[in-house]
Protein backbone atom coordinates (compact mmCIF):
# COMPACT_ATOMS: atom_id res chain seq x y z
CA UNK A 1 -1.10 -7.12 -18.96
CA UNK A 2 -1.50 -10.90 -19.38
CA UNK A 3 -2.87 -10.71 -22.94
CA UNK A 4 -0.16 -8.27 -23.95
CA UNK A 5 2.52 -10.64 -22.61
CA UNK A 6 1.17 -13.54 -24.67
CA UNK A 7 1.58 -11.58 -27.89
CA UNK A 8 5.18 -10.57 -27.15
CA UNK A 9 8.16 -12.67 -28.24
CA UNK A 10 9.07 -14.95 -25.36
CA UNK A 11 12.54 -13.57 -24.80
CA UNK A 12 13.06 -13.19 -21.07
CA UNK A 13 14.63 -9.72 -21.18
CA UNK A 14 11.97 -8.31 -23.50
CA UNK A 15 9.22 -9.64 -21.24
CA UNK A 16 10.85 -8.12 -18.17
CA UNK A 17 11.40 -4.75 -19.81
CA UNK A 18 7.74 -4.72 -20.89
CA UNK A 19 6.60 -5.48 -17.34
CA UNK A 20 9.04 -2.89 -16.00
CA UNK A 21 7.61 -0.22 -18.31
CA UNK A 22 4.09 -1.10 -17.21
CA UNK A 23 5.17 -1.13 -13.58
CA UNK A 24 6.84 2.26 -13.79
CA UNK A 25 3.74 3.80 -15.35
CA UNK A 26 1.41 2.29 -12.76
CA UNK A 27 3.45 3.06 -9.67
CA UNK A 28 5.41 6.14 -10.72
CA UNK A 29 8.52 5.08 -8.82
CA UNK A 30 11.63 7.23 -8.98
CA UNK A 31 14.84 5.87 -10.53
CA UNK A 32 16.38 6.04 -7.06
CA UNK A 33 13.60 3.89 -5.57
CA UNK A 34 13.93 1.36 -8.40
CA UNK A 35 17.71 1.16 -7.79
CA UNK A 36 17.17 0.65 -4.05
CA UNK A 37 14.65 -2.12 -4.75
CA UNK A 38 17.09 -3.72 -7.22
CA UNK A 39 19.77 -3.79 -4.49
CA UNK A 40 17.32 -5.36 -2.04
CA UNK A 41 16.24 -7.89 -4.68
CA UNK A 42 19.87 -8.89 -5.26
CA UNK A 43 20.27 -9.56 -1.53
CA UNK A 44 17.41 -12.07 -1.79
CA UNK A 45 18.56 -13.51 -5.12
CA UNK A 46 21.61 -15.36 -3.73
CA UNK A 47 22.60 -17.16 -6.96
CA UNK A 48 22.03 -14.10 -9.16
CA UNK A 49 19.69 -15.85 -11.61
CA UNK A 50 17.11 -13.04 -11.57
CA UNK A 51 14.55 -15.00 -9.53
CA UNK A 52 13.90 -15.39 -5.82
CA UNK A 53 13.08 -18.99 -4.93
CA UNK A 54 11.34 -20.22 -1.78
CA UNK A 55 14.74 -21.33 -0.41
CA UNK A 56 16.29 -17.90 -1.03
CA UNK A 57 13.30 -16.21 0.58
CA UNK A 58 13.60 -18.56 3.58
CA UNK A 59 17.30 -17.73 4.00
CA UNK A 60 16.63 -14.00 4.13
CA UNK A 61 13.63 -14.34 6.45
CA UNK A 62 15.57 -16.63 8.81
CA UNK A 63 18.37 -14.07 8.91
CA UNK A 64 15.75 -11.74 10.41
CA UNK A 65 15.15 -14.27 13.23
CA UNK A 66 11.86 -15.49 11.78
CA UNK A 67 11.14 -19.15 11.14
CA UNK A 68 8.36 -19.53 8.56
CA UNK A 69 6.91 -22.95 7.70
CA UNK A 70 7.13 -24.29 4.13
CA UNK A 71 3.43 -23.43 3.70
CA UNK A 72 3.98 -19.84 4.89
CA UNK A 73 6.87 -19.46 2.42
CA UNK A 74 4.73 -20.84 -0.43
CA UNK A 75 1.92 -18.45 0.55
CA UNK A 76 4.33 -15.49 0.51
CA UNK A 77 5.64 -16.43 -2.93
CA UNK A 78 2.15 -17.11 -4.33
CA UNK A 79 0.98 -13.70 -3.14
CA UNK A 80 3.72 -11.97 -5.15
CA UNK A 81 4.19 -14.44 -8.04
CA UNK A 82 1.89 -12.97 -10.69
CA UNK A 83 2.99 -15.28 -13.51
CA UNK A 84 2.57 -18.43 -11.38
CA UNK A 85 6.01 -19.93 -12.07
CA UNK A 86 6.81 -20.44 -8.37
CA UNK A 87 9.53 -17.80 -8.18
CA UNK A 88 9.62 -14.03 -7.79
CA UNK A 89 11.14 -12.03 -10.67
CA UNK A 90 12.30 -8.44 -10.18
CA UNK A 91 9.20 -6.99 -11.88
CA UNK A 92 6.96 -8.86 -9.40
CA UNK A 93 9.14 -7.70 -6.49
CA UNK A 94 8.89 -4.12 -7.82
CA UNK A 95 5.08 -4.37 -7.97
CA UNK A 96 5.00 -5.52 -4.35
CA UNK A 97 7.32 -2.76 -3.12
CA UNK A 98 5.51 -0.11 -5.16
CA UNK A 99 2.16 -1.09 -3.68
CA UNK A 100 3.68 -0.85 -0.18
CA UNK A 101 4.82 2.70 -0.99
CA UNK A 102 1.34 3.61 -2.22
CA UNK A 103 -0.14 2.30 1.06
CA UNK A 104 2.31 4.50 2.98
CA UNK A 105 1.37 7.52 0.84
CA UNK A 106 -2.33 6.89 1.51
CA UNK A 107 -1.64 6.69 5.25
CA UNK A 108 0.19 10.02 5.11
CA UNK A 109 -2.69 11.63 3.19
CA UNK A 110 -5.19 10.42 5.79
CA UNK A 111 -3.03 11.77 8.63
CA UNK A 112 -2.86 15.15 6.90
CA UNK A 113 -6.62 15.17 6.29
CA UNK A 114 -7.26 14.32 9.95
CA UNK A 115 -5.05 17.25 11.01
CA UNK A 116 -7.16 19.62 8.88
CA UNK A 117 -10.28 18.62 10.84
CA UNK A 118 -8.57 18.32 14.25
CA UNK A 119 -8.01 22.07 14.72
CA UNK A 120 -6.71 21.89 18.31
CA UNK A 121 -4.56 18.81 17.51
CA UNK A 122 -5.89 16.86 20.51
CA UNK A 123 -6.37 13.66 18.51
CA UNK A 124 -10.16 14.03 18.18
CA UNK A 125 -12.55 15.75 15.79
CA UNK A 126 -15.35 17.43 17.71
CA UNK A 127 -18.70 18.52 16.29
CA UNK A 128 -17.57 22.17 16.34
CA UNK A 129 -14.32 21.33 14.49
CA UNK A 130 -16.26 19.37 11.88
CA UNK A 131 -18.78 22.20 11.48
CA UNK A 132 -15.93 24.74 11.09
CA UNK A 133 -14.21 22.74 8.33
CA UNK A 134 -17.48 22.05 6.50
CA UNK A 135 -18.35 25.77 6.52
CA UNK A 136 -14.86 26.56 5.14
CA UNK A 137 -15.52 24.02 2.38
CA UNK A 138 -18.72 25.87 1.54
CA UNK A 139 -21.02 23.25 3.06
CA UNK A 140 -23.81 24.83 5.05
CA UNK A 141 -24.84 22.08 7.47
CA UNK A 142 -27.37 22.24 10.27
CA UNK A 143 -26.29 21.26 13.78
CA UNK A 144 -28.36 18.10 13.35
CA UNK A 145 -26.49 17.17 10.15
CA UNK A 146 -23.11 17.72 11.82
CA UNK A 147 -24.22 15.68 14.85
CA UNK A 148 -25.40 12.91 12.52
CA UNK A 149 -22.02 12.85 10.73
CA UNK A 150 -20.20 12.57 14.06
CA UNK A 151 -22.61 9.89 15.28
CA UNK A 152 -22.06 7.75 12.16
CA UNK A 153 -18.28 7.88 12.48
CA UNK A 154 -18.10 7.76 16.30
CA UNK A 155 -17.81 4.02 16.97
CA UNK A 156 -16.92 4.22 20.67
CA UNK A 157 -19.75 6.65 21.46
CA UNK A 158 -17.63 9.36 23.09
CA UNK A 159 -19.16 12.13 20.94
CA UNK A 160 -15.99 12.76 18.93
CA UNK A 161 -14.11 11.07 16.10
CA UNK A 162 -10.62 9.73 16.81
CA UNK A 163 -8.06 8.89 14.11
CA UNK A 164 -9.02 5.19 13.79
CA UNK A 165 -12.70 6.10 13.44
CA UNK A 166 -11.78 8.75 10.86
CA UNK A 167 -9.77 6.22 8.81
CA UNK A 168 -12.64 3.71 8.93
CA UNK A 169 -15.10 6.38 7.83
CA UNK A 170 -12.84 7.50 4.95
CA UNK A 171 -12.26 3.92 3.77
CA UNK A 172 -15.95 3.00 3.76
CA UNK A 173 -17.17 6.23 2.16
CA UNK A 174 -14.65 5.96 -0.70
């Protein structure tokens, strides 16, 4: 994106529409989500100049009964501020919110996957449940192989895999 921005005319609105197009493609947000994020952005952007400054961010955060230090505010802005100008434009805000949505989607997918394995819905995947799913997936595993899979994922040593262990296993095997 950075190289493409350098070659564009430096008109502010053209740059933002370019970033917006890129953002929409990357995150696949709905129009409704983008409108909701625009409303939220405008709540932060008190003077309506299209940028959120550290002071504006501080005002909103303090209204939520939080009291961040100047350094914490700078860190928050730097984390989001992809062009390094010290403020947050809407496109940067949209990138942040879109990535939060993707994290939520990934969490939901993991929960659904866990449910597939956890046949009796007791919050644990046993060796027999794992074996059953693997057979349904066409994987013919020996008892030893199933036990080994459980052992590798089973961090607390109780002989089963709970949700946290499942998430850790899925994240490291990816």
